[in-house]
Amino acid sequence: MPNENTDPISNPDLIHYNLFFKSWHFKDVQYKDYFWKYAKTTPFYEELKSELDNYADKQRIEDRAKLDHMLEKENITVVDPNNWIQVKNKGERIKL
């Protein structure tokens, strides 16, 4: 998955765009060259380019804020004494 906090993988086998930093929403995304190379071979290329061109800066700012919010929740969840791994480490039985 593209992630601005990690170094890119050389010659990735699979690129999974989920959540944020999609090549059709942000111009400078990890692995964008792979994405656009293959997008050009599809009937969706023009539609994808149009979406990139019309995705507003306001939307990009909102996406970044959503990512920041998600990361803040992750930091809270990691130290929550009732998260899955903490309960498991206490030896309690977990049923999903």
C-alpha atoms as a PDB file:
ATOM      1  CA  MET A   1       0.000   0.000   0.000  1.00  0.00           C
ATOM      2  CA  PRO A   2       1.320   3.448  -0.773  1.00  0.00           C
ATOM      3  CA  ASN A   3       2.529   5.032   2.427  1.00  0.00           C
ATOM      4  CA  GLU A   4       4.492   8.243   2.681  1.00  0.00           C
ATOM      5  CA  ASN A   5       6.067   7.004   5.928  1.00  0.00           C
ATOM      6  CA  THR A   6       7.846   4.003   4.402  1.00  0.00           C
ATOM      7  CA  ASP A   7      10.432   3.551   1.708  1.00  0.00           C
ATOM      8  CA  PRO A   8       9.016   2.234  -1.555  1.00  0.00           C
ATOM      9  CA  ILE A   9       9.478  -1.399  -2.508  1.00  0.00           C
ATOM     10  CA  SER A  10      11.497  -2.018  -5.648  1.00  0.00           C
ATOM     11  CA  ASN A  11       9.465  -3.778  -8.322  1.00  0.00           C
ATOM     12  CA  PRO A  12       6.325  -4.480  -6.277  1.00  0.00           C
ATOM     13  CA  ASP A  13       4.197  -7.426  -7.373  1.00  0.00           C
ATOM     14  CA  LEU A  14       0.951  -5.927  -6.134  1.00  0.00           C
ATOM     15  CA  ILE A  15      -0.016  -2.384  -5.203  1.00  0.00           C
ATOM     16  CA  HIS A  16      -3.136  -2.044  -3.114  1.00  0.00           C
ATOM     17  CA  TYR A  17      -4.670   1.419  -2.990  1.00  0.00           C
ATOM     18  CA  ASN A  18      -6.971   1.561  -0.018  1.00  0.00           C
ATOM     19  CA  LEU A  19      -8.072   4.378   2.223  1.00  0.00           C
ATOM     20  CA  PHE A  20      -5.863   7.331   1.243  1.00  0.00           C
ATOM     21  CA  PHE A  21      -3.158   8.374  -1.206  1.00  0.00           C
ATOM     22  CA  LYS A  22      -4.720   7.040  -4.365  1.00  0.00           C
ATOM     23  CA  SER A  23      -3.009   8.006  -7.617  1.00  0.00           C
ATOM     24  CA  TRP A  24      -6.282   9.302  -9.011  1.00  0.00           C
ATOM     25  CA  HIS A  25      -6.662  11.680  -6.019  1.00  0.00           C
ATOM     26  CA  PHE A  26      -3.080  12.777  -5.242  1.00  0.00           C
ATOM     27  CA  LYS A  27      -0.453  13.717  -7.834  1.00  0.00           C
ATOM     28  CA  ASP A  28       2.635  12.625  -5.933  1.00  0.00           C
ATOM     29  CA  VAL A  29       1.835   9.186  -4.547  1.00  0.00           C
ATOM     30  CA  GLN A  30       4.190   6.282  -4.043  1.00  0.00           C
ATOM     31  CA  TYR A  31       4.050   3.921  -7.040  1.00  0.00           C
ATOM     32  CA  LYS A  32       2.188   6.461  -9.195  1.00  0.00           C
ATOM     33  CA  ASP A  33       4.354   5.591 -12.204  1.00  0.00           C
ATOM     34  CA  TYR A  34       3.209   1.962 -12.072  1.00  0.00           C
ATOM     35  CA  PHE A  35      -0.403   3.010 -11.673  1.00  0.00           C
ATOM     36  CA  TRP A  36      -0.465   5.438 -14.597  1.00  0.00           C
ATOM     37  CA  LYS A  37       1.541   3.102 -16.845  1.00  0.00           C
ATOM     38  CA  TYR A  38      -1.149   0.440 -16.542  1.00  0.00           C
ATOM     39  CA  ALA A  39      -4.070   2.854 -16.305  1.00  0.00           C
ATOM     40  CA  LYS A  40      -3.169   4.060 -19.807  1.00  0.00           C
ATOM     41  CA  THR A  41      -3.869   0.564 -21.125  1.00  0.00           C
ATOM     42  CA  THR A  42      -7.451   0.565 -19.832  1.00  0.00           C
ATOM     43  CA  PRO A  43     -10.638   2.180 -21.088  1.00  0.00           C
ATOM     44  CA  PHE A  44     -10.780   4.069 -17.749  1.00  0.00           C
ATOM     45  CA  TYR A  45      -7.656   6.163 -18.255  1.00  0.00           C
ATOM     46  CA  GLU A  46      -9.408   9.391 -19.238  1.00  0.00           C
ATOM     47  CA  GLU A  47     -11.918   9.009 -16.411  1.00  0.00           C
ATOM     48  CA  LEU A  48      -9.113   8.485 -13.896  1.00  0.00           C
ATOM     49  CA  LYS A  49      -7.164  11.482 -15.190  1.00  0.00           C
ATOM     50  CA  SER A  50     -10.315  13.584 -14.994  1.00  0.00           C
ATOM     51  CA  GLU A  51     -10.895  12.502 -11.411  1.00  0.00           C
ATOM     52  CA  LEU A  52      -7.326  13.481 -10.512  1.00  0.00           C
ATOM     53  CA  ASP A  53      -7.692  16.842 -12.246  1.00  0.00           C
ATOM     54  CA  ASN A  54     -11.011  17.549 -10.530  1.00  0.00           C
ATOM     55  CA  TYR A  55     -10.181  16.296  -7.050  1.00  0.00           C
ATOM     56  CA  ALA A  56     -10.110  19.512  -5.066  1.00  0.00           C
ATOM     57  CA  ASP A  57      -7.405  20.559  -2.646  1.00  0.00           C
ATOM     58  CA  LYS A  58     -10.138  20.747  -0.011  1.00  0.00           C
ATOM     59  CA  GLN A  59     -10.802  17.030  -0.545  1.00  0.00           C
ATOM     60  CA  ARG A  60      -7.091  16.255  -0.218  1.00  0.00           C
ATOM     61  CA  ILE A  61      -6.930  18.215   3.032  1.00  0.00           C
ATOM     62  CA  GLU A  62      -9.971  16.305   4.309  1.00  0.00           C
ATOM     63  CA  ASP A  63      -8.341  12.988   3.349  1.00  0.00           C
ATOM     64  CA  ARG A  64      -5.186  13.901   5.252  1.00  0.00           C
ATOM     65  CA  ALA A  65      -7.248  14.921   8.294  1.00  0.00           C
ATOM     66  CA  LYS A  66      -9.089  11.577   8.172  1.00  0.00           C
ATOM     67  CA  LEU A  67      -5.761   9.743   8.021  1.00  0.00           C
ATOM     68  CA  ASP A  68      -4.425  11.741  10.980  1.00  0.00           C
ATOM     69  CA  HIS A  69      -7.581  10.921  12.935  1.00  0.00           C
ATOM     70  CA  MET A  70      -7.226   7.231  12.129  1.00  0.00           C
ATOM     71  CA  LEU A  71      -3.574   7.239  13.237  1.00  0.00           C
ATOM     72  CA  GLU A  72      -4.496   8.985  16.495  1.00  0.00           C
ATOM     73  CA  LYS A  73      -7.079   6.263  17.177  1.00  0.00           C
ATOM     74  CA  GLU A  74      -4.459   3.630  16.410  1.00  0.00           C
ATOM     75  CA  ASN A  75      -2.124   5.132  19.025  1.00  0.00           C
ATOM     76  CA  ILE A  76      -4.932   4.971  21.604  1.00  0.00           C
ATOM     77  CA  THR A  77      -5.920   1.417  20.666  1.00  0.00           C
ATOM     78  CA  VAL A  78      -2.364   0.102  20.989  1.00  0.00           C
ATOM     79  CA  VAL A  79      -2.216   1.051  24.687  1.00  0.00           C
ATOM     80  CA  ASP A  80      -5.830   0.188  25.525  1.00  0.00           C
ATOM     81  CA  PRO A  81      -5.751  -2.531  28.213  1.00  0.00           C
ATOM     82  CA  ASN A  82      -8.836  -4.083  26.626  1.00  0.00           C
ATOM     83  CA  ASN A  83      -7.542  -4.412  23.086  1.00  0.00           C
ATOM     84  CA  TRP A  84      -7.386  -7.865  21.537  1.00  0.00           C
ATOM     85  CA  ILE A  85      -3.704  -8.574  22.126  1.00  0.00           C
ATOM     86  CA  GLN A  86      -3.739  -7.267  25.712  1.00  0.00           C
ATOM     87  CA  VAL A  87      -6.680  -9.512  26.597  1.00  0.00           C
ATOM     88  CA  LYS A  88      -5.068 -12.476  24.853  1.00  0.00           C
ATOM     89  CA  ASN A  89      -1.776 -11.881  26.682  1.00  0.00           C
ATOM     90  CA  LYS A  90      -3.668 -11.998  29.994  1.00  0.00           C
ATOM     91  CA  GLY A  91      -4.656 -15.542  29.055  1.00  0.00           C
ATOM     92  CA  GLU A  92      -8.317 -14.735  28.639  1.00  0.00           C
ATOM     93  CA  ARG A  93     -10.299 -16.598  26.042  1.00  0.00           C
ATOM     94  CA  ILE A  94     -11.209 -14.526  23.021  1.00  0.00           C
ATOM     95  CA  LYS A  95     -14.157 -15.263  20.812  1.00  0.00           C
ATOM     96  CA  LEU A  96     -14.529 -13.283  17.617  1.00  0.00           C
END
